[in-house]
Protein backbone atom coordinates (compact mmCIF):
# COMPACT_ATOMS: atom_id res chain seq x y z
CA MET A 1 75.52 295.87 117.36
CA ASN A 2 77.09 296.29 113.94
CA PHE A 3 78.89 299.55 114.45
CA VAL A 4 80.80 299.39 111.15
CA ASP A 5 77.64 299.43 109.03
CA GLU A 6 76.01 301.98 111.31
CA GLY A 7 79.12 304.15 111.20
CA ALA A 8 79.03 304.08 107.40
CA ALA A 9 75.38 305.13 107.51
CA ILE A 10 76.06 308.23 109.64
CA ALA A 11 79.34 309.09 107.91
CA PRO A 12 77.92 311.73 105.53
CA GLY A 13 76.50 313.70 108.45
CA ILE A 14 79.65 313.68 110.53
CA ILE A 15 81.82 314.45 107.49
CA ALA A 16 79.65 317.53 106.93
CA LEU A 17 80.07 318.45 110.60
CA ARG A 18 83.85 318.04 110.37
CA ARG A 19 84.00 320.43 107.41
CA VAL A 20 81.98 323.07 109.24
CA LEU A 21 84.37 322.77 112.17
CA HIS A 22 87.34 322.93 109.82
CA GLN A 23 86.13 326.21 108.36
CA ASN A 24 85.65 327.73 111.81
CA PRO A 25 88.70 326.84 113.93
CA GLU A 26 89.18 328.36 117.38
CA LEU A 27 92.20 328.42 119.66
CA GLY A 28 92.87 327.53 123.26
CA LEU A 29 90.37 327.15 126.06
CA ASP A 30 87.66 329.48 124.77
CA LEU A 31 85.88 327.90 121.79
CA PRO A 32 82.37 329.43 121.87
CA LYS A 33 81.45 328.76 118.23
CA THR A 34 82.77 325.20 118.36
CA GLN A 35 80.94 324.53 121.60
CA SER A 36 77.69 325.86 120.14
CA ILE A 37 78.03 323.71 117.00
CA VAL A 38 78.71 320.56 119.03
CA LEU A 39 75.84 321.24 121.44
CA ASP A 40 73.49 321.58 118.46
CA GLU A 41 74.74 318.24 117.10
CA LEU A 42 74.17 316.53 120.45
CA SER A 43 70.70 317.96 120.99
CA GLY A 44 68.03 315.29 120.87
CA LEU A 45 70.34 312.55 122.09
CA PRO A 46 69.62 311.05 125.55
CA LEU A 47 72.66 312.67 127.13
CA GLU A 48 73.13 314.49 130.40
CA ILE A 49 75.10 317.57 129.30
CA THR A 50 77.42 319.66 131.45
CA ILE A 51 79.46 322.59 130.12
CA GLY A 52 82.68 323.83 131.65
CA ARG A 53 82.85 326.72 134.08
CA GLU A 54 86.32 328.03 133.23
CA LEU A 55 86.64 326.62 129.71
CA THR A 56 84.20 325.81 126.91
CA SER A 57 84.24 322.07 127.47
CA ILE A 58 81.29 319.72 127.05
CA VAL A 59 80.72 316.55 129.04
CA GLY A 60 77.93 314.25 127.97
CA VAL A 61 76.81 311.20 129.96
CA LEU A 62 74.83 308.42 128.29
CA ARG A 63 73.28 306.15 130.89
CA GLY A 64 72.66 302.62 129.67
CA GLU A 65 69.47 300.90 130.63
CA HIS A 66 71.37 298.23 132.58
CA PRO A 67 73.58 298.91 135.60
CA GLY A 68 77.32 298.89 135.18
CA PRO A 69 80.48 301.00 135.23
CA THR A 70 81.45 304.08 133.23
CA VAL A 71 83.77 304.31 130.19
CA LEU A 72 85.22 307.61 128.95
CA LEU A 73 85.68 308.61 125.29
CA ARG A 74 87.66 311.75 124.41
CA GLY A 75 87.67 314.16 121.47
CA ASP A 76 89.67 317.41 121.52
CA MET A 77 88.26 320.50 119.79
CA ASP A 78 90.91 323.24 119.59
CA ALA A 79 92.95 324.33 116.55
CA LEU A 80 96.43 325.77 116.00
CA PRO A 81 97.69 329.30 115.20
CA VAL A 82 98.62 328.21 111.66
CA VAL A 83 97.59 329.96 108.43
CA GLU A 84 96.06 327.26 106.24
CA LYS A 85 97.55 326.61 102.79
CA THR A 86 95.58 323.62 101.55
CA ASP A 87 93.23 325.14 98.94
CA LEU A 88 90.42 322.93 100.25
CA ALA A 89 86.93 324.16 99.43
CA TYR A 90 86.26 324.30 103.18
CA ALA A 91 89.65 325.71 104.22
CA SER A 92 89.85 328.10 107.14
CA THR A 93 90.34 331.77 106.35
CA ASN A 94 90.56 333.19 109.88
CA GLY A 95 94.30 332.69 110.42
CA SER A 96 93.93 329.51 112.48
CA MET A 97 93.78 325.90 111.31
CA HIS A 98 92.75 322.43 112.39
CA ALA A 99 96.23 321.25 111.45
CA CYS A 100 96.24 318.37 113.96
CA GLY A 101 92.89 316.85 113.03
CA HIS A 102 90.94 317.84 116.11
CA ASP A 103 87.98 318.63 113.86
CA LEU A 104 87.90 314.93 112.97
CA HIS A 105 88.24 313.95 116.62
CA THR A 106 85.25 316.10 117.54
CA ALA A 107 83.09 314.88 114.67
CA GLY A 108 84.08 311.27 115.35
CA LEU A 109 83.06 311.58 118.99
CA VAL A 110 79.72 313.08 118.00
CA GLY A 111 79.30 310.07 115.72
CA ALA A 112 80.11 307.68 118.57
CA ALA A 113 77.52 309.43 120.76
CA ARG A 114 74.91 308.89 118.05
CA LEU A 115 75.78 305.23 117.59
CA LEU A 116 75.79 304.42 121.29
CA SER A 117 72.59 306.39 121.91
CA ASN A 118 70.89 304.11 119.36
CA HIS A 119 71.92 301.14 121.53
CA ARG A 120 71.23 302.60 124.95
CA GLY A 121 68.95 299.66 125.77
CA GLU A 122 71.82 297.23 125.35
CA LEU A 123 74.45 299.10 127.38
CA HIS A 124 75.48 297.77 130.79
CA GLY A 125 76.71 301.02 132.29
CA ASN A 126 77.45 304.56 131.23
CA VAL A 127 79.51 306.29 128.55
CA LEU A 128 81.11 309.64 129.30
CA PHE A 129 81.83 311.81 126.24
CA MET A 130 84.66 314.30 126.80
CA PHE A 131 84.72 317.22 124.35
CA GLN A 132 87.88 319.06 125.29
CA PRO A 133 89.31 322.51 124.52
CA GLY A 134 92.93 323.47 125.09
CA GLU A 135 94.81 320.31 124.16
CA GLU A 136 97.45 322.25 122.21
CA GLY A 137 99.63 323.23 125.14
CA LEU A 138 97.10 324.54 127.66
CA GLY A 139 96.26 321.33 129.52
CA GLY A 140 92.53 321.37 128.91
CA ALA A 141 92.25 317.76 130.05
CA GLY A 142 93.71 318.61 133.44
CA ARG A 143 91.33 321.54 133.80
CA MET A 144 88.36 319.33 132.98
CA ILE A 145 89.51 316.80 135.57
CA LYS A 146 89.65 319.59 138.16
CA GLU A 147 86.11 320.59 137.24
CA GLY A 148 84.83 317.08 137.98
CA LEU A 149 85.06 315.28 134.63
CA LEU A 150 85.84 311.89 136.13
CA GLN A 151 82.87 312.05 138.52
CA ALA A 152 80.35 313.18 135.89
CA GLY A 153 78.93 309.68 135.50
CA GLY A 154 78.65 309.19 139.25
CA GLU A 155 81.76 307.07 139.61
CA LYS A 156 85.26 307.14 138.20
CA PRO A 157 85.51 305.53 134.74
CA VAL A 158 86.99 302.05 134.53
CA ALA A 159 88.53 302.76 131.13
CA ALA A 160 89.29 305.69 128.80
CA TYR A 161 89.87 305.74 125.04
CA ALA A 162 90.90 308.34 122.47
CA VAL A 163 91.56 308.08 118.73
CA HIS A 164 93.95 310.54 117.06
CA VAL A 165 94.27 310.92 113.28
CA TRP A 166 97.70 310.75 111.65
CA SER A 167 98.24 312.44 108.29
CA GLN A 168 101.25 310.35 107.22
CA ALA A 169 99.84 306.89 107.99
CA ALA A 170 97.80 304.85 105.52
CA LYS A 171 94.09 305.58 105.61
CA GLY A 172 92.10 303.32 107.90
CA LEU A 173 94.96 301.77 109.90
CA PHE A 174 94.49 301.69 113.68
CA MET A 175 97.82 301.65 115.51
CA THR A 176 98.68 301.53 119.18
CA ARG A 177 101.02 299.86 121.67
CA PRO A 178 101.03 298.94 125.37
CA GLY A 179 103.04 301.13 127.71
CA THR A 180 104.54 304.39 126.54
CA ILE A 181 102.97 305.55 123.27
CA MET A 182 103.81 309.27 123.27
CA ALA A 183 106.52 311.38 124.84
CA GLY A 184 106.26 313.82 127.67
CA SER A 185 106.45 317.45 126.61
CA ASN A 186 108.75 319.73 128.60
CA GLN A 187 109.91 323.32 128.28
CA LEU A 188 113.44 324.65 128.71
CA HIS A 189 114.05 328.39 129.12
CA ILE A 190 117.55 329.78 129.67
CA VAL A 191 118.49 333.40 130.30
CA VAL A 192 122.20 334.16 129.99
CA ARG A 193 123.29 337.29 131.87
CA GLY A 194 126.43 339.21 130.94
CA LYS A 195 127.41 342.87 130.67
CA GLY A 196 126.56 344.80 127.55
CA GLY A 197 128.47 347.48 125.74
CA HIS A 198 129.65 348.74 122.37
CA GLY A 199 129.83 346.24 119.53
CA SER A 200 133.23 347.54 118.52
CA ALA A 201 134.79 346.73 121.90
CA PRO A 202 133.68 343.27 122.99
CA HIS A 203 136.70 342.96 125.28
CA THR A 204 135.12 345.56 127.58
CA THR A 205 131.91 343.54 127.88
CA VAL A 206 130.77 340.10 129.00
CA ASP A 207 128.99 339.03 125.85
CA PRO A 208 126.07 336.58 126.43
CA VAL A 209 125.46 335.90 122.73
CA PRO A 210 128.32 333.39 122.17
CA VAL A 211 127.16 331.55 125.29
CA VAL A 212 123.68 331.03 123.83
CA ALA A 213 125.22 329.94 120.53
CA GLU A 214 127.39 327.37 122.28
CA LEU A 215 124.45 326.15 124.33
CA VAL A 216 122.50 325.30 121.17
CA LEU A 217 125.24 322.89 120.09
CA ALA A 218 125.95 321.63 123.60
CA LEU A 219 122.31 320.61 124.09
CA GLN A 220 122.41 318.46 120.96
CA THR A 221 125.65 316.83 122.07
CA TYR A 222 124.20 316.23 125.53
CA ALA A 223 121.15 314.45 124.05
CA THR A 224 123.32 312.00 122.10
CA ARG A 225 126.14 311.48 124.60
CA LYS A 226 124.63 311.69 128.08
CA VAL A 227 121.21 310.05 127.61
CA ASN A 228 120.60 306.32 127.23
CA VAL A 229 119.96 305.63 123.55
CA PHE A 230 117.21 303.16 124.53
CA ASP A 231 115.37 305.88 126.49
CA PRO A 232 115.91 308.78 124.11
CA VAL A 233 115.15 312.46 124.35
CA VAL A 234 114.58 315.08 121.68
CA ILE A 235 115.84 318.59 122.44
CA THR A 236 114.78 321.15 119.85
CA VAL A 237 115.82 324.77 120.29
CA THR A 238 113.02 326.88 118.83
CA GLN A 239 113.64 330.32 120.30
CA LEU A 240 116.72 332.57 120.39
CA ALA A 241 116.68 336.24 121.31
CA ALA A 242 119.39 338.82 121.99
CA GLY A 243 119.78 342.52 121.45
CA MET A 244 117.92 345.21 119.52
CA ALA A 245 120.68 347.09 117.68
CA LEU A 246 123.50 345.77 115.49
CA ASN A 247 126.18 347.80 117.23
CA VAL A 248 125.14 347.01 120.82
CA ILE A 249 126.19 343.94 122.79
CA PRO A 250 123.19 343.16 124.99
CA ASP A 251 123.16 342.44 128.70
CA THR A 252 121.17 339.22 128.22
CA ALA A 253 120.45 336.55 125.65
CA THR A 254 117.73 333.92 125.88
CA LEU A 255 117.07 330.43 124.59
CA GLY A 256 113.86 328.39 124.49
CA ALA A 257 113.60 324.69 123.66
CA SER A 258 111.06 321.91 123.48
CA VAL A 259 112.29 318.78 125.26
CA ARG A 260 110.60 315.41 124.73
CA THR A 261 111.16 312.53 127.15
CA LEU A 262 109.89 308.96 127.32
CA SER A 263 110.29 308.26 131.05
CA ASP A 264 110.22 309.93 134.43
CA ALA A 265 113.78 308.71 135.06
CA THR A 266 115.11 310.60 132.06
CA TRP A 267 113.16 313.70 133.03
CA ASP A 268 114.75 313.56 136.48
CA GLN A 269 118.19 313.25 134.89
CA LEU A 270 117.60 316.28 132.66
CA ALA A 271 116.19 318.32 135.53
CA ARG A 272 119.46 317.72 137.42
CA GLU A 273 121.94 318.05 134.59
CA LEU A 274 120.68 320.69 132.14
CA PRO A 275 121.07 323.53 134.68
CA LEU A 276 124.61 322.32 135.43
CA LEU A 277 125.43 322.22 131.71
CA ALA A 278 124.20 325.79 131.20
CA GLN A 279 125.94 327.05 134.31
CA GLY A 280 129.24 325.48 133.32
CA ILE A 281 129.28 326.97 129.83
CA ALA A 282 128.15 330.37 131.06
CA SER A 283 130.78 330.39 133.81
CA ALA A 284 133.53 329.72 131.28
CA TYR A 285 132.63 333.01 129.60
CA GLY A 286 132.09 334.96 132.82
CA CYS A 287 128.29 334.93 132.54
CA THR A 288 125.55 333.70 134.83
CA VAL A 289 122.34 331.89 133.89
CA ASP A 290 118.77 331.39 135.00
CA VAL A 291 117.42 327.98 133.96
CA ASP A 292 113.77 326.93 134.06
CA PHE A 293 113.04 323.33 133.06
CA SER A 294 109.39 322.41 133.54
CA LYS A 295 106.90 319.71 132.61
CA GLN A 296 104.07 320.57 130.24
CA TYR A 297 102.47 317.16 129.63
CA PRO A 298 103.58 313.85 131.14
CA VAL A 299 104.40 310.75 129.12
CA THR A 300 101.30 309.10 127.59
CA VAL A 301 101.20 305.54 128.92
CA ASN A 302 98.68 302.97 127.70
CA ASP A 303 97.42 300.38 130.14
CA VAL A 304 98.64 296.93 129.07
CA ASP A 305 95.36 295.05 129.59
CA SER A 306 93.16 297.79 128.11
CA THR A 307 95.40 298.02 125.06
CA ALA A 308 95.37 294.27 124.47
CA GLY A 309 91.59 294.36 124.63
CA ALA A 310 91.33 297.38 122.35
CA THR A 311 93.66 295.85 119.76
CA SER A 312 91.60 292.66 119.77
CA GLU A 313 88.30 294.54 119.40
CA LEU A 314 89.59 296.63 116.51
CA ALA A 315 90.90 293.52 114.77
CA LYS A 316 87.50 291.81 115.11
CA LEU A 317 85.74 294.93 113.87
CA PHE A 318 87.94 295.85 110.90
CA GLY A 319 90.23 292.86 110.31
CA ALA A 320 93.66 292.07 111.72
CA GLU A 321 95.37 293.83 108.81
CA ARG A 322 93.93 297.16 110.02
CA SER A 323 94.80 296.81 113.72
CA LEU A 324 98.58 297.08 113.88
CA PRO A 325 101.13 297.48 116.67
CA LEU A 326 103.26 300.61 116.82
CA GLU A 327 106.85 299.46 117.03
CA ASN A 328 108.12 302.56 118.84
CA PRO A 329 106.61 305.42 120.83
CA LEU A 330 105.94 308.70 119.06
CA MET A 331 107.87 311.76 120.20
CA GLY A 332 104.82 314.01 120.04
CA SER A 333 102.88 314.57 123.24
CA GLU A 334 99.26 314.55 124.38
CA ASP A 335 97.36 315.83 127.37
CA PHE A 336 95.21 312.69 127.23
CA SER A 337 98.18 311.51 129.29
CA LEU A 338 96.58 313.34 132.21
CA VAL A 339 93.46 311.21 131.86
CA LEU A 340 95.51 308.02 131.57
CA LYS A 341 97.31 308.86 134.81
CA GLU A 342 93.91 308.62 136.52
CA VAL A 343 92.13 305.94 134.47
CA PRO A 344 93.49 302.83 132.72
CA GLY A 345 92.97 303.15 129.01
CA THR A 346 94.35 303.36 125.50
CA PHE A 347 95.38 306.10 123.07
CA ILE A 348 95.10 304.99 119.44
CA MET A 349 96.42 306.46 116.19
CA LEU A 350 94.27 306.30 113.04
CA GLY A 351 95.83 306.73 109.61
CA ALA A 352 94.05 309.42 107.57
CA ARG A 353 96.43 310.07 104.68
CA PRO A 354 94.58 311.09 101.49
CA ASP A 355 95.04 308.83 98.47
CA ASP A 356 96.92 311.50 96.52
CA VAL A 357 99.51 312.10 99.28
CA GLY A 358 102.67 310.05 99.78
CA GLU A 359 104.19 308.85 103.04
CA ASP A 360 106.48 311.88 103.03
CA GLY A 361 103.55 314.28 102.71
CA PRO A 362 102.80 317.12 105.13
CA SER A 363 102.74 316.12 108.78
CA ASN A 364 100.31 317.01 111.52
CA HIS A 365 100.74 320.73 112.40
CA SER A 366 101.81 321.66 108.85
CA SER A 367 100.00 324.52 107.10
CA GLU A 368 99.56 322.17 104.12
CA VAL A 369 98.38 319.05 105.94
CA ARG A 370 95.18 317.35 104.80
CA PHE A 371 93.25 314.50 106.44
CA ASP A 372 90.90 312.17 104.59
CA ASP A 373 87.61 312.46 106.46
CA ALA A 374 86.38 309.26 104.82
CA VAL A 375 87.75 307.59 107.98
CA LEU A 376 85.12 309.22 110.18
CA GLY A 377 82.53 306.46 109.95
CA ASP A 378 85.10 303.91 111.11
CA GLN A 379 86.46 306.30 113.75
CA ALA A 380 83.00 306.66 115.28
CA ALA A 381 82.44 302.89 115.05
CA ALA A 382 85.77 302.16 116.75
CA LEU A 383 85.04 304.47 119.68
CA ALA A 384 81.53 303.06 120.07
CA GLN A 385 82.78 299.45 119.95
CA LEU A 386 85.53 300.06 122.49
CA ALA A 387 83.05 301.56 124.94
CA ALA A 388 80.31 298.97 124.43
CA SER A 389 82.64 295.96 124.59
CA LYS A 390 84.31 297.25 127.76
CA LEU A 391 80.95 297.72 129.46
CA THR A 392 79.82 294.26 128.38
CA ALA A 393 83.02 292.65 129.68
CA ALA A 394 82.79 294.50 132.99
CA ALA A 395 79.18 293.35 133.47
CA ARG A 396 80.05 289.64 133.18
């Protein structure tokens, strides 16, 4: 099986597919047009297809002609509520954008399905293709698991792999690491309750606005003074709201923040201490607070053995210079973490920076980000190789 050459051969078709998807982005869990396009692309392949009941997911099972275990490959399909500003010929015009490269993930997984279908007679086991909506904050992976994703092949997969494009990394580099590779995503919401009144007489009120202002600074100080520097957190306040009129002190003020953590121990610490921090500051001003600190996605943790095997396979396929270790975890988050809590596997980053963009170019989620879809042939080949080699090793 020479997946590199075969990936290059199918690349024009999956690049065309990616550009169709890019022009037609959809948000969240309901992606009817995307689902229809992908189903059309999969038609004719020897796959057992199941579509989601409560979300527009697609699960395809390719059964090899020899007995063996099941390996899962994932591609997410949803876009972001970002107005595109790239001037690409195939740019979206509907107010949403594939600003995180999920169009490439979907097209790459279709490519892997084509490659592996061509080698069905050589496969010792099954490959489960997971086309997922709702990665951007809605936990689509968890919903697919609840709908039976991991049993679709008849038995729980022995390994799971996903490749994610990275706009600021050099084109064609595959990067991963054992253990924690991406942060957990958590949400902090604080409501400060005081007593409103006239803006000209703050001494007759209990003003919640200064409390929220002080909390913004206190959270940053907390992150650098109370948390172990070798197990860091990122606390980013993204929402502040208070009042409707300039001359009215409101009864309440609110704060919302994204909190990224790299371990369960740090999350437990924050869950204990952030409410106490907010309560202490509010109490000093005579206010009360409601604090809600909740998990969105857990930490993404790569299995050590699976990652060693994946790194070795990618090096053999593309050369050691293109299969590199990530020195540190990334502070972004992924709901593939929910799959990796159930199945040992590996999450891999793939550089897709265009040649005319520098390292400081637009990042994933930017309205100006561009990804070089010339990587798609190799992306499909990598996914196919990881699945096939794992099945072969398990059959020995």
